[in-house]
Amino acid sequence: QEQLVESGGGFVQPGGSLKLSCAISNLNSDAYAIGWFRQAPGREREGIACITSRDGYIAYAQSPKGRFTISRDTAKSTVYLQIDNLDSEDTGVYYCAARLGVFAACVLWSEYNYWGKGTSVTVSS
């Protein structure tokens, strides 16, 4: 069974940083994209960044952007999301998701269909 497990969330003060992890297993394909998403309280889920498996192509959403960095460790089958200069608007649940296949762009956020359960981030002083 396909599995994505997020970790690394928690409480952080404004201005701090977090590095979230997404451990990937059993996708049964070497061609896929991993996307990071977040859902703030009372808001719809939004895509943040994505990376493809075969060539490591990276793309970011138009918004939010600038403080997010996606990366991967292929040996560990893990994709990361670094978030810097956190503020209260970054509070929410962060999810990683997978989309299988080869495609021109990984920013079609509605095409992701394997999801983790999320990790919660709270930014507060």
C-alpha atoms as a PDB file:
ATOM      1  CA  GLN A   1       0.000   0.000   0.000  1.00  0.00           C
ATOM      2  CA  GLU A   2       1.288   3.407  -0.930  1.00  0.00           C
ATOM      3  CA  GLN A   3       2.417   5.343   2.096  1.00  0.00           C
ATOM      4  CA  LEU A   4       3.543   8.871   2.783  1.00  0.00           C
ATOM      5  CA  VAL A   5       4.343   9.909   6.329  1.00  0.00           C
ATOM      6  CA  GLU A   6       4.977  13.506   7.315  1.00  0.00           C
ATOM      7  CA  SER A   7       6.960  14.594  10.343  1.00  0.00           C
ATOM      8  CA  GLY A   8       8.748  17.613  11.721  1.00  0.00           C
ATOM      9  CA  GLY A   9       5.841  19.829  12.630  1.00  0.00           C
ATOM     10  CA  GLY A  10       5.411  21.484  15.996  1.00  0.00           C
ATOM     11  CA  PHE A  11       5.272  24.783  17.814  1.00  0.00           C
ATOM     12  CA  VAL A  12       7.624  27.512  16.686  1.00  0.00           C
ATOM     13  CA  GLN A  13       8.001  31.208  17.397  1.00  0.00           C
ATOM     14  CA  PRO A  14       7.608  33.797  14.661  1.00  0.00           C
ATOM     15  CA  GLY A  15      10.810  34.173  12.727  1.00  0.00           C
ATOM     16  CA  GLY A  16      11.847  30.596  13.338  1.00  0.00           C
ATOM     17  CA  SER A  17      12.382  27.769  10.881  1.00  0.00           C
ATOM     18  CA  LEU A  18      11.175  24.230  10.437  1.00  0.00           C
ATOM     19  CA  LYS A  19      12.169  21.374   8.192  1.00  0.00           C
ATOM     20  CA  LEU A  20       9.355  18.996   7.446  1.00  0.00           C
ATOM     21  CA  SER A  21       9.949  15.480   6.182  1.00  0.00           C
ATOM     22  CA  CYS A  22       7.885  13.211   3.964  1.00  0.00           C
ATOM     23  CA  ALA A  23       8.910   9.561   4.059  1.00  0.00           C
ATOM     24  CA  ILE A  24       7.809   7.702   0.943  1.00  0.00           C
ATOM     25  CA  SER A  25       7.209   3.986   0.536  1.00  0.00           C
ATOM     26  CA  ASN A  26       5.441   1.507  -1.744  1.00  0.00           C
ATOM     27  CA  LEU A  27       4.622   3.868  -4.576  1.00  0.00           C
ATOM     28  CA  ASN A  28       5.385   1.001  -6.977  1.00  0.00           C
ATOM     29  CA  SER A  29       6.660   3.382  -9.579  1.00  0.00           C
ATOM     30  CA  ASP A  30       9.916   5.221 -10.163  1.00  0.00           C
ATOM     31  CA  ALA A  31       8.094   8.021 -11.956  1.00  0.00           C
ATOM     32  CA  TYR A  32       6.159  10.352  -9.697  1.00  0.00           C
ATOM     33  CA  ALA A  33       6.043  13.774  -8.167  1.00  0.00           C
ATOM     34  CA  ILE A  34       5.846  14.677  -4.519  1.00  0.00           C
ATOM     35  CA  GLY A  35       4.041  17.840  -3.564  1.00  0.00           C
ATOM     36  CA  TRP A  36       3.823  19.734  -0.318  1.00  0.00           C
ATOM     37  CA  PHE A  37       0.522  21.290   0.622  1.00  0.00           C
ATOM     38  CA  ARG A  38      -0.857  23.123   3.597  1.00  0.00           C
ATOM     39  CA  GLN A  39      -4.253  23.860   5.020  1.00  0.00           C
ATOM     40  CA  ALA A  40      -4.610  26.796   7.350  1.00  0.00           C
ATOM     41  CA  PRO A  41      -7.550  26.941   9.768  1.00  0.00           C
ATOM     42  CA  GLY A  42     -10.699  27.931   7.910  1.00  0.00           C
ATOM     43  CA  ARG A  43      -8.985  27.928   4.527  1.00  0.00           C
ATOM     44  CA  GLU A  44      -8.733  25.575   1.590  1.00  0.00           C
ATOM     45  CA  ARG A  45      -5.726  23.378   1.104  1.00  0.00           C
ATOM     46  CA  GLU A  46      -3.091  24.937  -1.142  1.00  0.00           C
ATOM     47  CA  GLY A  47      -0.086  23.615  -2.959  1.00  0.00           C
ATOM     48  CA  ILE A  48       3.331  24.965  -2.014  1.00  0.00           C
ATOM     49  CA  ALA A  49       6.059  23.111  -3.894  1.00  0.00           C
ATOM     50  CA  CYS A  50       6.729  19.921  -5.799  1.00  0.00           C
ATOM     51  CA  ILE A  51       9.616  17.789  -6.987  1.00  0.00           C
ATOM     52  CA  THR A  52       9.740  15.019  -9.558  1.00  0.00           C
ATOM     53  CA  SER A  53      11.387  11.695  -8.926  1.00  0.00           C
ATOM     54  CA  ARG A  54      13.358  11.041 -12.107  1.00  0.00           C
ATOM     55  CA  ASP A  55      15.023  14.371 -12.747  1.00  0.00           C
ATOM     56  CA  GLY A  56      14.477  16.277  -9.528  1.00  0.00           C
ATOM     57  CA  TYR A  57      12.582  19.049 -11.282  1.00  0.00           C
ATOM     58  CA  ILE A  58      11.344  21.562  -8.724  1.00  0.00           C
ATOM     59  CA  ALA A  59       8.494  24.013  -8.931  1.00  0.00           C
ATOM     60  CA  TYR A  60       6.859  26.379  -6.494  1.00  0.00           C
ATOM     61  CA  ALA A  61       3.386  27.800  -6.317  1.00  0.00           C
ATOM     62  CA  GLN A  62       2.977  31.472  -7.123  1.00  0.00           C
ATOM     63  CA  SER A  63       1.699  31.934  -3.625  1.00  0.00           C
ATOM     64  CA  PRO A  64       2.935  31.263  -1.034  1.00  0.00           C
ATOM     65  CA  LYS A  65       6.556  31.447  -2.072  1.00  0.00           C
ATOM     66  CA  GLY A  66       9.887  32.837  -1.135  1.00  0.00           C
ATOM     67  CA  ARG A  67      10.336  31.192   2.252  1.00  0.00           C
ATOM     68  CA  PHE A  68       9.898  27.578   1.204  1.00  0.00           C
ATOM     69  CA  THR A  69      12.554  25.211  -0.094  1.00  0.00           C
ATOM     70  CA  ILE A  70      11.792  21.692  -1.266  1.00  0.00           C
ATOM     71  CA  SER A  71      14.538  19.091  -1.454  1.00  0.00           C
ATOM     72  CA  ARG A  72      14.986  15.350  -1.382  1.00  0.00           C
ATOM     73  CA  ASP A  73      17.244  12.566  -0.216  1.00  0.00           C
ATOM     74  CA  THR A  74      16.739   9.755  -2.705  1.00  0.00           C
ATOM     75  CA  ALA A  75      18.698   7.278  -0.589  1.00  0.00           C
ATOM     76  CA  LYS A  76      16.259   7.826   2.247  1.00  0.00           C
ATOM     77  CA  SER A  77      13.175   8.098  -0.001  1.00  0.00           C
ATOM     78  CA  THR A  78      12.390  11.333   1.761  1.00  0.00           C
ATOM     79  CA  VAL A  79      11.321  14.738   0.530  1.00  0.00           C
ATOM     80  CA  TYR A  80      11.764  17.803   2.713  1.00  0.00           C
ATOM     81  CA  LEU A  81      10.164  21.204   3.009  1.00  0.00           C
ATOM     82  CA  GLN A  82      12.229  23.888   4.679  1.00  0.00           C
ATOM     83  CA  ILE A  83      10.201  26.842   5.912  1.00  0.00           C
ATOM     84  CA  ASP A  84      12.074  29.946   7.016  1.00  0.00           C
ATOM     85  CA  ASN A  85      10.994  33.132   8.751  1.00  0.00           C
ATOM     86  CA  LEU A  86       7.754  31.586   9.915  1.00  0.00           C
ATOM     87  CA  ASP A  87       4.834  33.781  10.806  1.00  0.00           C
ATOM     88  CA  SER A  88       1.342  33.186  12.141  1.00  0.00           C
ATOM     89  CA  GLU A  89      -0.079  32.778   8.636  1.00  0.00           C
ATOM     90  CA  ASP A  90       1.999  29.623   8.271  1.00  0.00           C
ATOM     91  CA  THR A  91       0.004  27.904  10.990  1.00  0.00           C
ATOM     92  CA  GLY A  92      -1.821  24.878   9.684  1.00  0.00           C
ATOM     93  CA  VAL A  93      -1.522  21.242   8.725  1.00  0.00           C
ATOM     94  CA  TYR A  94       1.128  20.397   6.169  1.00  0.00           C
ATOM     95  CA  TYR A  95       0.652  17.431   3.886  1.00  0.00           C
ATOM     96  CA  CYS A  96       2.755  15.683   1.337  1.00  0.00           C
ATOM     97  CA  ALA A  97       1.160  13.888  -1.568  1.00  0.00           C
ATOM     98  CA  ALA A  98       2.196  11.850  -4.572  1.00  0.00           C
ATOM     99  CA  ARG A  99       1.163  11.882  -8.173  1.00  0.00           C
ATOM    100  CA  LEU A 100       2.305   8.924 -10.254  1.00  0.00           C
ATOM    101  CA  GLY A 101       3.539   9.217 -13.808  1.00  0.00           C
ATOM    102  CA  VAL A 102       5.674  11.375 -16.050  1.00  0.00           C
ATOM    103  CA  PHE A 103       4.390  14.845 -16.846  1.00  0.00           C
ATOM    104  CA  ALA A 104       5.570  18.220 -17.970  1.00  0.00           C
ATOM    105  CA  ALA A 105       4.766  20.069 -14.786  1.00  0.00           C
ATOM    106  CA  CYS A 106       4.148  18.989 -11.234  1.00  0.00           C
ATOM    107  CA  VAL A 107       2.141  22.039 -10.183  1.00  0.00           C
ATOM    108  CA  LEU A 108      -1.258  20.664 -11.174  1.00  0.00           C
ATOM    109  CA  TRP A 109      -2.191  20.399  -7.527  1.00  0.00           C
ATOM    110  CA  SER A 110      -5.534  18.723  -8.154  1.00  0.00           C
ATOM    111  CA  GLU A 111      -3.812  15.711  -9.735  1.00  0.00           C
ATOM    112  CA  TYR A 112      -2.215  14.425  -6.528  1.00  0.00           C
ATOM    113  CA  ASN A 113      -4.011  11.363  -5.272  1.00  0.00           C
ATOM    114  CA  TYR A 114      -1.889   9.668  -2.597  1.00  0.00           C
ATOM    115  CA  TRP A 115      -1.813  11.601   0.634  1.00  0.00           C
ATOM    116  CA  GLY A 116      -0.156  11.504   3.990  1.00  0.00           C
ATOM    117  CA  LYS A 117      -2.014  12.289   7.178  1.00  0.00           C
ATOM    118  CA  GLY A 118      -0.271  15.593   7.725  1.00  0.00           C
ATOM    119  CA  THR A 119       1.888  17.240  10.337  1.00  0.00           C
ATOM    120  CA  SER A 120       0.702  20.235  12.314  1.00  0.00           C
ATOM    121  CA  VAL A 121       2.612  23.518  12.466  1.00  0.00           C
ATOM    122  CA  THR A 122       1.730  26.230  14.949  1.00  0.00           C
ATOM    123  CA  VAL A 123       3.481  29.564  14.831  1.00  0.00           C
ATOM    124  CA  SER A 124       2.933  31.572  17.957  1.00  0.00           C
ATOM    125  CA  SER A 125       4.809  33.700  20.419  1.00  0.00           C
END
